[in-house]
Protein backbone atom coordinates (compact mmCIF):
# COMPACT_ATOMS: atom_id res chain seq x y z
CA UNK A 1 0.00 0.00 0.00
CA UNK A 2 1.32 3.42 -0.94
CA UNK A 3 0.87 6.33 1.44
CA UNK A 4 0.16 9.71 -0.11
CA UNK A 5 1.04 12.82 1.84
CA UNK A 6 -1.93 15.15 2.34
CA UNK A 7 -2.08 18.71 3.47
CA UNK A 8 -5.04 19.35 5.78
CA UNK A 9 -6.58 21.46 2.98
CA UNK A 10 -6.43 18.48 0.62
CA UNK A 11 -8.24 16.33 3.16
CA UNK A 12 -10.87 19.07 3.46
CA UNK A 13 -11.34 18.98 -0.32
CA UNK A 14 -11.82 15.21 -0.23
CA UNK A 15 -14.36 15.55 2.56
CA UNK A 16 -16.24 18.22 0.60
CA UNK A 17 -16.48 15.82 -2.36
CA UNK A 18 -17.98 13.19 -0.06
CA UNK A 19 -20.44 15.77 1.29
CA UNK A 20 -21.43 16.69 -2.28
CA UNK A 21 -22.18 13.04 -3.05
CA UNK A 22 -24.16 12.71 0.17
CA UNK A 23 -26.13 15.87 -0.64
CA UNK A 24 -26.93 14.57 -4.11
CA UNK A 25 -28.27 11.29 -2.72
CA UNK A 26 -30.16 13.13 0.01
CA UNK A 27 -31.88 15.21 -2.69
CA UNK A 28 -32.81 12.03 -4.56
CA UNK A 29 -34.29 10.49 -1.42
CA UNK A 30 -36.24 13.64 -0.55
CA UNK A 31 -37.62 13.89 -4.10
CA UNK A 32 -38.62 10.21 -3.97
CA UNK A 33 -40.39 10.76 -0.64
CA UNK A 34 -42.25 13.81 -1.97
CA UNK A 35 -43.28 11.83 -5.05
CA UNK A 36 -44.38 8.99 -2.73
CA UNK A 37 -42.29 6.42 -4.57
CA UNK A 38 -42.55 3.02 -2.95
CA UNK A 39 -39.05 2.00 -3.87
CA UNK A 40 -36.05 3.05 -5.92
CA UNK A 41 -34.34 0.36 -7.99
CA UNK A 42 -30.59 0.61 -7.50
CA UNK A 43 -27.44 -1.42 -7.98
CA UNK A 44 -25.95 -0.87 -4.54
CA UNK A 45 -23.47 -3.71 -4.00
CA UNK A 46 -20.39 -1.66 -4.91
CA UNK A 47 -21.64 1.45 -3.14
CA UNK A 48 -22.21 -0.50 0.08
CA UNK A 49 -18.73 -2.05 -0.22
CA UNK A 50 -17.13 1.35 -0.91
CA UNK A 51 -18.89 2.87 2.10
CA UNK A 52 -17.59 0.08 4.33
CA UNK A 53 -14.07 0.57 2.98
CA UNK A 54 -14.35 4.34 3.35
CA UNK A 55 -15.43 3.95 6.98
CA UNK A 56 -12.44 1.69 7.64
CA UNK A 57 -10.09 4.11 5.87
CA UNK A 58 -11.47 7.05 7.87
CA UNK A 59 -11.07 5.17 11.16
CA UNK A 60 -7.47 4.22 10.32
CA UNK A 61 -6.71 7.78 9.24
CA UNK A 62 -8.10 9.13 12.52
CA UNK A 63 -5.96 6.70 14.51
CA UNK A 64 -2.84 7.65 12.52
CA UNK A 65 -3.43 11.37 13.03
CA UNK A 66 -4.18 10.86 16.73
CA UNK A 67 -0.85 9.03 17.06
CA UNK A 68 0.97 11.83 15.22
CA UNK A 69 -0.58 14.38 17.55
CA UNK A 70 0.30 12.35 20.64
CA UNK A 71 3.88 11.97 19.47
CA UNK A 72 4.08 15.71 18.81
CA UNK A 73 2.76 16.53 22.28
CA UNK A 74 5.31 14.12 23.83
CA UNK A 75 8.11 16.05 22.10
CA UNK A 76 7.20 19.31 23.81
PDB file of N, CA and C in Angstrom:
ATOM      1  N   UNK A   1       0.848  -1.173   0.000  1.00  0.00           N
ATOM      2  CA  UNK A   1       0.000   0.000   0.000  1.00  0.00           C
ATOM      3  C   UNK A   1       0.894   1.237   0.000  1.00  0.00           C
ATOM      4  N   UNK A   2       0.549   2.186  -0.843  1.00  0.00           N
ATOM      5  CA  UNK A   2       1.324   3.417  -0.940  1.00  0.00           C
ATOM      6  C   UNK A   2       0.630   4.520  -0.141  1.00  0.00           C
ATOM      7  N   UNK A   3       1.403   5.186   0.698  1.00  0.00           N
ATOM      8  CA  UNK A   3       0.869   6.328   1.442  1.00  0.00           C
ATOM      9  C   UNK A   3       1.090   7.589   0.626  1.00  0.00           C
ATOM     10  N   UNK A   4       0.059   8.396   0.510  1.00  0.00           N
ATOM     11  CA  UNK A   4       0.165   9.710  -0.113  1.00  0.00           C
ATOM     12  C   UNK A   4       0.155  10.743   0.996  1.00  0.00           C
ATOM     13  N   UNK A   5       0.971  11.753   0.849  1.00  0.00           N
ATOM     14  CA  UNK A   5       1.035  12.825   1.844  1.00  0.00           C
ATOM     15  C   UNK A   5      -0.055  13.841   1.509  1.00  0.00           C
ATOM     16  N   UNK A   6      -0.827  14.197   2.510  1.00  0.00           N
ATOM     17  CA  UNK A   6      -1.926  15.148   2.339  1.00  0.00           C
ATOM     18  C   UNK A   6      -1.690  16.363   3.214  1.00  0.00           C
ATOM     19  N   UNK A   7      -1.956  17.506   2.661  1.00  0.00           N
ATOM     20  CA  UNK A   7      -2.077  18.709   3.470  1.00  0.00           C
ATOM     21  C   UNK A   7      -3.483  18.699   4.071  1.00  0.00           C
ATOM     22  N   UNK A   8      -3.687  19.309   5.215  1.00  0.00           N
ATOM     23  CA  UNK A   8      -5.035  19.350   5.778  1.00  0.00           C
ATOM     24  C   UNK A   8      -6.069  19.916   4.785  1.00  0.00           C
ATOM     25  N   UNK A   9      -5.655  20.877   3.964  1.00  0.00           N
ATOM     26  CA  UNK A   9      -6.579  21.462   2.984  1.00  0.00           C
ATOM     27  C   UNK A   9      -6.999  20.428   1.940  1.00  0.00           C
ATOM     28  N   UNK A  10      -6.085  19.525   1.585  1.00  0.00           N
ATOM     29  CA  UNK A  10      -6.428  18.479   0.618  1.00  0.00           C
ATOM     30  C   UNK A  10      -7.441  17.503   1.222  1.00  0.00           C
ATOM     31  N   UNK A  11      -7.276  17.194   2.494  1.00  0.00           N
ATOM     32  CA  UNK A  11      -8.242  16.326   3.163  1.00  0.00           C
ATOM     33  C   UNK A  11      -9.605  17.014   3.220  1.00  0.00           C
ATOM     34  N   UNK A  12      -9.607  18.319   3.480  1.00  0.00           N
ATOM     35  CA  UNK A  12     -10.865  19.069   3.460  1.00  0.00           C
ATOM     36  C   UNK A  12     -11.544  18.966   2.096  1.00  0.00           C
ATOM     37  N   UNK A  13     -10.772  19.074   1.026  1.00  0.00           N
ATOM     38  CA  UNK A  13     -11.339  18.982  -0.325  1.00  0.00           C
ATOM     39  C   UNK A  13     -11.951  17.602  -0.573  1.00  0.00           C
ATOM     40  N   UNK A  14     -11.284  16.562  -0.092  1.00  0.00           N
ATOM     41  CA  UNK A  14     -11.821  15.210  -0.230  1.00  0.00           C
ATOM     42  C   UNK A  14     -13.128  15.075   0.539  1.00  0.00           C
ATOM     43  N   UNK A  15     -13.151  15.607   1.744  1.00  0.00           N
ATOM     44  CA  UNK A  15     -14.365  15.553   2.562  1.00  0.00           C
ATOM     45  C   UNK A  15     -15.505  16.310   1.889  1.00  0.00           C
ATOM     46  N   UNK A  16     -15.204  17.452   1.296  1.00  0.00           N
ATOM     47  CA  UNK A  16     -16.244  18.216   0.602  1.00  0.00           C
ATOM     48  C   UNK A  16     -16.815  17.437  -0.575  1.00  0.00           C
ATOM     49  N   UNK A  17     -15.985  16.675  -1.269  1.00  0.00           N
ATOM     50  CA  UNK A  17     -16.479  15.818  -2.360  1.00  0.00           C
ATOM     51  C   UNK A  17     -17.450  14.782  -1.816  1.00  0.00           C
ATOM     52  N   UNK A  18     -17.101  14.191  -0.673  1.00  0.00           N
ATOM     53  CA  UNK A  18     -17.977  13.194  -0.058  1.00  0.00           C
ATOM     54  C   UNK A  18     -19.294  13.844   0.356  1.00  0.00           C
ATOM     55  N   UNK A  19     -19.221  15.045   0.927  1.00  0.00           N
ATOM     56  CA  UNK A  19     -20.444  15.774   1.290  1.00  0.00           C
ATOM     57  C   UNK A  19     -21.306  16.064   0.063  1.00  0.00           C
ATOM     58  N   UNK A  20     -20.675  16.429  -1.052  1.00  0.00           N
ATOM     59  CA  UNK A  20     -21.429  16.695  -2.285  1.00  0.00           C
ATOM     60  C   UNK A  20     -22.177  15.451  -2.752  1.00  0.00           C
ATOM     61  N   UNK A  21     -21.516  14.294  -2.668  1.00  0.00           N
ATOM     62  CA  UNK A  21     -22.177  13.040  -3.051  1.00  0.00           C
ATOM     63  C   UNK A  21     -23.336  12.753  -2.106  1.00  0.00           C
ATOM     64  N   UNK A  22     -23.102  12.940  -0.812  1.00  0.00           N
ATOM     65  CA  UNK A  22     -24.162  12.710   0.171  1.00  0.00           C
ATOM     66  C   UNK A  22     -25.345  13.650  -0.070  1.00  0.00           C
ATOM     67  N   UNK A  23     -25.056  14.906  -0.386  1.00  0.00           N
ATOM     68  CA  UNK A  23     -26.126  15.874  -0.641  1.00  0.00           C
ATOM     69  C   UNK A  23     -26.934  15.486  -1.874  1.00  0.00           C
ATOM     70  N   UNK A  24     -26.243  14.989  -2.892  1.00  0.00           N
ATOM     71  CA  UNK A  24     -26.934  14.565  -4.112  1.00  0.00           C
ATOM     72  C   UNK A  24     -27.887  13.405  -3.813  1.00  0.00           C
ATOM     73  N   UNK A  25     -27.412  12.428  -3.065  1.00  0.00           N
ATOM     74  CA  UNK A  25     -28.266  11.287  -2.718  1.00  0.00           C
ATOM     75  C   UNK A  25     -29.386  11.688  -1.775  1.00  0.00           C
ATOM     76  N   UNK A  26     -29.108  12.631  -0.886  1.00  0.00           N
ATOM     77  CA  UNK A  26     -30.156  13.130   0.006  1.00  0.00           C
ATOM     78  C   UNK A  26     -31.269  13.801  -0.800  1.00  0.00           C
ATOM     79  N   UNK A  27     -30.879  14.569  -1.821  1.00  0.00           N
ATOM     80  CA  UNK A  27     -31.878  15.208  -2.689  1.00  0.00           C
ATOM     81  C   UNK A  27     -32.720  14.160  -3.407  1.00  0.00           C
ATOM     82  N   UNK A  28     -32.079  13.116  -3.891  1.00  0.00           N
ATOM     83  CA  UNK A  28     -32.812  12.033  -4.559  1.00  0.00           C
ATOM     84  C   UNK A  28     -33.812  11.408  -3.592  1.00  0.00           C
ATOM     85  N   UNK A  29     -33.382  11.127  -2.378  1.00  0.00           N
ATOM     86  CA  UNK A  29     -34.293  10.491  -1.422  1.00  0.00           C
ATOM     87  C   UNK A  29     -35.454  11.413  -1.050  1.00  0.00           C
ATOM     88  N   UNK A  30     -35.160  12.689  -0.886  1.00  0.00           N
ATOM     89  CA  UNK A  30     -36.236  13.638  -0.554  1.00  0.00           C
ATOM     90  C   UNK A  30     -37.231  13.770  -1.704  1.00  0.00           C
ATOM     91  N   UNK A  31     -36.728  13.827  -2.932  1.00  0.00           N
ATOM     92  CA  UNK A  31     -37.618  13.891  -4.095  1.00  0.00           C
ATOM     93  C   UNK A  31     -38.469  12.633  -4.201  1.00  0.00           C
ATOM     94  N   UNK A  32     -37.871  11.472  -3.920  1.00  0.00           N
ATOM     95  CA  UNK A  32     -38.622  10.215  -3.970  1.00  0.00           C
ATOM     96  C   UNK A  32     -39.702  10.187  -2.899  1.00  0.00           C
ATOM     97  N   UNK A  33     -39.393  10.699  -1.711  1.00  0.00           N
ATOM     98  CA  UNK A  33     -40.393  10.756  -0.639  1.00  0.00           C
ATOM     99  C   UNK A  33     -41.550  11.675  -1.031  1.00  0.00           C
ATOM    100  N   UNK A  34     -41.202  12.856  -1.567  1.00  0.00           N
ATOM    101  CA  UNK A  34     -42.254  13.806  -1.967  1.00  0.00           C
ATOM    102  C   UNK A  34     -43.146  13.228  -3.062  1.00  0.00           C
ATOM    103  N   UNK A  35     -42.524  12.436  -3.960  1.00  0.00           N
ATOM    104  CA  UNK A  35     -43.285  11.825  -5.047  1.00  0.00           C
ATOM    105  C   UNK A  35     -43.985  10.548  -4.589  1.00  0.00           C
ATOM    106  N   UNK A  36     -43.783  10.189  -3.314  1.00  0.00           N
ATOM    107  CA  UNK A  36     -44.380   8.989  -2.733  1.00  0.00           C
ATOM    108  C   UNK A  36     -44.021   7.723  -3.515  1.00  0.00           C
ATOM    109  N   UNK A  37     -42.764   7.644  -3.927  1.00  0.00           N
ATOM    110  CA  UNK A  37     -42.287   6.423  -4.572  1.00  0.00           C
ATOM    111  C   UNK A  37     -42.189   5.323  -3.522  1.00  0.00           C
ATOM    112  N   UNK A  38     -42.624   4.140  -3.883  1.00  0.00           N
ATOM    113  CA  UNK A  38     -42.554   3.019  -2.950  1.00  0.00           C
ATOM    114  C   UNK A  38     -41.134   2.488  -2.818  1.00  0.00           C
ATOM    115  N   UNK A  39     -40.427   2.478  -3.913  1.00  0.00           N
ATOM    116  CA  UNK A  39     -39.053   1.996  -3.872  1.00  0.00           C
ATOM    117  C   UNK A  39     -38.264   2.600  -5.028  1.00  0.00           C
ATOM    118  N   UNK A  40     -36.958   2.519  -4.904  1.00  0.00           N
ATOM    119  CA  UNK A  40     -36.049   3.051  -5.917  1.00  0.00           C
ATOM    120  C   UNK A  40     -35.121   1.906  -6.334  1.00  0.00           C
ATOM    121  N   UNK A  41     -35.238   1.444  -7.575  1.00  0.00           N
ATOM    122  CA  UNK A  41     -34.344   0.360  -7.994  1.00  0.00           C
ATOM    123  C   UNK A  41     -32.909   0.871  -8.151  1.00  0.00           C
ATOM    124  N   UNK A  42     -31.986   0.185  -7.482  1.00  0.00           N
ATOM    125  CA  UNK A  42     -30.589   0.612  -7.505  1.00  0.00           C
ATOM    126  C   UNK A  42     -29.673  -0.602  -7.492  1.00  0.00           C
ATOM    127  N   UNK A  43     -28.525  -0.457  -8.128  1.00  0.00           N
ATOM    128  CA  UNK A  43     -27.436  -1.420  -7.981  1.00  0.00           C
ATOM    129  C   UNK A  43     -26.560  -0.860  -6.871  1.00  0.00           C
ATOM    130  N   UNK A  44     -26.620  -1.466  -5.690  1.00  0.00           N
ATOM    131  CA  UNK A  44     -25.947  -0.867  -4.540  1.00  0.00           C
ATOM    132  C   UNK A  44     -24.774  -1.682  -4.002  1.00  0.00           C
ATOM    133  N   UNK A  45     -24.502  -2.834  -4.574  1.00  0.00           N
ATOM    134  CA  UNK A  45     -23.471  -3.707  -4.000  1.00  0.00           C
ATOM    135  C   UNK A  45     -22.129  -2.997  -3.885  1.00  0.00           C
ATOM    136  N   UNK A  46     -21.688  -2.347  -4.960  1.00  0.00           N
ATOM    137  CA  UNK A  46     -20.393  -1.663  -4.914  1.00  0.00           C
ATOM    138  C   UNK A  46     -20.441  -0.454  -3.985  1.00  0.00           C
ATOM    139  N   UNK A  47     -21.530   0.272  -4.002  1.00  0.00           N
ATOM    140  CA  UNK A  47     -21.638   1.453  -3.135  1.00  0.00           C
ATOM    141  C   UNK A  47     -21.565   1.049  -1.664  1.00  0.00           C
ATOM    142  N   UNK A  48     -22.239  -0.030  -1.305  1.00  0.00           N
ATOM    143  CA  UNK A  48     -22.206  -0.496   0.084  1.00  0.00           C
ATOM    144  C   UNK A  48     -20.787  -0.928   0.444  1.00  0.00           C
ATOM    145  N   UNK A  49     -20.109  -1.634  -0.456  1.00  0.00           N
ATOM    146  CA  UNK A  49     -18.732  -2.049  -0.217  1.00  0.00           C
ATOM    147  C   UNK A  49     -17.816  -0.838  -0.073  1.00  0.00           C
ATOM    148  N   UNK A  50     -17.970   0.143  -0.961  1.00  0.00           N
ATOM    149  CA  UNK A  50     -17.134   1.348  -0.908  1.00  0.00           C
ATOM    150  C   UNK A  50     -17.358   2.106   0.397  1.00  0.00           C
ATOM    151  N   UNK A  51     -18.609   2.174   0.838  1.00  0.00           N
ATOM    152  CA  UNK A  51     -18.893   2.867   2.105  1.00  0.00           C
ATOM    153  C   UNK A  51     -18.199   2.159   3.264  1.00  0.00           C
ATOM    154  N   UNK A  52     -18.261   0.828   3.270  1.00  0.00           N
ATOM    155  CA  UNK A  52     -17.593   0.079   4.327  1.00  0.00           C
ATOM    156  C   UNK A  52     -16.091   0.347   4.302  1.00  0.00           C
ATOM    157  N   UNK A  53     -15.505   0.316   3.112  1.00  0.00           N
ATOM    158  CA  UNK A  53     -14.072   0.565   2.985  1.00  0.00           C
ATOM    159  C   UNK A  53     -13.722   1.998   3.365  1.00  0.00           C
ATOM    160  N   UNK A  54     -14.576   2.940   3.006  1.00  0.00           N
ATOM    161  CA  UNK A  54     -14.352   4.339   3.353  1.00  0.00           C
ATOM    162  C   UNK A  54     -14.412   4.540   4.863  1.00  0.00           C
ATOM    163  N   UNK A  55     -15.354   3.879   5.518  1.00  0.00           N
ATOM    164  CA  UNK A  55     -15.434   3.947   6.980  1.00  0.00           C
ATOM    165  C   UNK A  55     -14.159   3.397   7.619  1.00  0.00           C
ATOM    166  N   UNK A  56     -13.670   2.272   7.111  1.00  0.00           N
ATOM    167  CA  UNK A  56     -12.439   1.689   7.644  1.00  0.00           C
ATOM    168  C   UNK A  56     -11.251   2.613   7.408  1.00  0.00           C
ATOM    169  N   UNK A  57     -11.178   3.187   6.217  1.00  0.00           N
ATOM    170  CA  UNK A  57     -10.092   4.111   5.871  1.00  0.00           C
ATOM    171  C   UNK A  57     -10.139   5.333   6.789  1.00  0.00           C
ATOM    172  N   UNK A  58     -11.328   5.873   7.014  1.00  0.00           N
ATOM    173  CA  UNK A  58     -11.466   7.050   7.874  1.00  0.00           C
ATOM    174  C   UNK A  58     -11.045   6.725   9.301  1.00  0.00           C
ATOM    175  N   UNK A  59     -11.440   5.560   9.796  1.00  0.00           N
ATOM    176  CA  UNK A  59     -11.072   5.169  11.161  1.00  0.00           C
ATOM    177  C   UNK A  59      -9.552   5.016  11.289  1.00  0.00           C
ATOM    178  N   UNK A  60      -8.928   4.386  10.298  1.00  0.00           N
ATOM    179  CA  UNK A  60      -7.467   4.221  10.322  1.00  0.00           C
ATOM    180  C   UNK A  60      -6.768   5.574  10.228  1.00  0.00           C
ATOM    181  N   UNK A  61      -7.294   6.458   9.388  1.00  0.00           N
ATOM    182  CA  UNK A  61      -6.713   7.783   9.238  1.00  0.00           C
ATOM    183  C   UNK A  61      -6.793   8.539  10.559  1.00  0.00           C
ATOM    184  N   UNK A  62      -7.940   8.449  11.227  1.00  0.00           N
ATOM    185  CA  UNK A  62      -8.097   9.133  12.519  1.00  0.00           C
ATOM    186  C   UNK A  62      -7.088   8.609  13.533  1.00  0.00           C
ATOM    187  N   UNK A  63      -6.931   7.292  13.584  1.00  0.00           N
ATOM    188  CA  UNK A  63      -5.962   6.697  14.511  1.00  0.00           C
ATOM    189  C   UNK A  63      -4.556   7.194  14.194  1.00  0.00           C
ATOM    190  N   UNK A  64      -4.179   7.200  12.917  1.00  0.00           N
ATOM    191  CA  UNK A  64      -2.842   7.653  12.521  1.00  0.00           C
ATOM    192  C   UNK A  64      -2.598   9.111  12.900  1.00  0.00           C
ATOM    193  N   UNK A  65      -3.587   9.953  12.690  1.00  0.00           N
ATOM    194  CA  UNK A  65      -3.434  11.371  13.031  1.00  0.00           C
ATOM    195  C   UNK A  65      -3.387  11.545  14.548  1.00  0.00           C
ATOM    196  N   UNK A  66      -4.225  10.799  15.266  1.00  0.00           N
ATOM    197  CA  UNK A  66      -4.183  10.859  16.731  1.00  0.00           C
ATOM    198  C   UNK A  66      -2.798  10.473  17.250  1.00  0.00           C
ATOM    199  N   UNK A  67      -2.199   9.447  16.661  1.00  0.00           N
ATOM    200  CA  UNK A  67      -0.852   9.029  17.064  1.00  0.00           C
ATOM    201  C   UNK A  67       0.165  10.119  16.756  1.00  0.00           C
ATOM    202  N   UNK A  68       0.066  10.725  15.561  1.00  0.00           N
ATOM    203  CA  UNK A  68       0.972  11.827  15.225  1.00  0.00           C
ATOM    204  C   UNK A  68       0.859  12.967  16.224  1.00  0.00           C
ATOM    205  N   UNK A  69      -0.372  13.294  16.607  1.00  0.00           N
ATOM    206  CA  UNK A  69      -0.584  14.382  17.554  1.00  0.00           C
ATOM    207  C   UNK A  69      -0.056  14.025  18.934  1.00  0.00           C
ATOM    208  N   UNK A  70      -0.243  12.785  19.345  1.00  0.00           N
ATOM    209  CA  UNK A  70       0.295  12.352  20.638  1.00  0.00           C
ATOM    210  C   UNK A  70       1.819  12.405  20.640  1.00  0.00           C
ATOM    211  N   UNK A  71       2.416  11.938  19.564  1.00  0.00           N
ATOM    212  CA  UNK A  71       3.880  11.975  19.472  1.00  0.00           C
ATOM    213  C   UNK A  71       4.392  13.418  19.491  1.00  0.00           C
ATOM    214  N   UNK A  72       3.677  14.298  18.833  1.00  0.00           N
ATOM    215  CA  UNK A  72       4.080  15.706  18.811  1.00  0.00           C
ATOM    216  C   UNK A  72       3.977  16.308  20.200  1.00  0.00           C
ATOM    217  N   UNK A  73       2.925  15.969  20.941  1.00  0.00           N
ATOM    218  CA  UNK A  73       2.764  16.527  22.283  1.00  0.00           C
ATOM    219  C   UNK A  73       3.810  15.953  23.244  1.00  0.00           C
ATOM    220  N   UNK A  74       4.261  14.724  22.992  1.00  0.00           N
ATOM    221  CA  UNK A  74       5.309  14.123  23.825  1.00  0.00           C
ATOM    222  C   UNK A  74       6.648  14.812  23.613  1.00  0.00           C
ATOM    223  N   UNK A  75       6.846  15.394  22.420  1.00  0.00           N
ATOM    224  CA  UNK A  75       8.113  16.049  22.098  1.00  0.00           C
ATOM    225  C   UNK A  75       8.251  17.411  22.789  1.00  0.00           C
ATOM    226  N   UNK A  76       7.134  17.975  23.200  1.00  0.00           N
ATOM    227  CA  UNK A  76       7.195  19.313  23.812  1.00  0.00           C
ATOM    228  C   UNK A  76       7.273  19.256  25.312  1.00  0.00           C
TER     229      UNK A  76
END
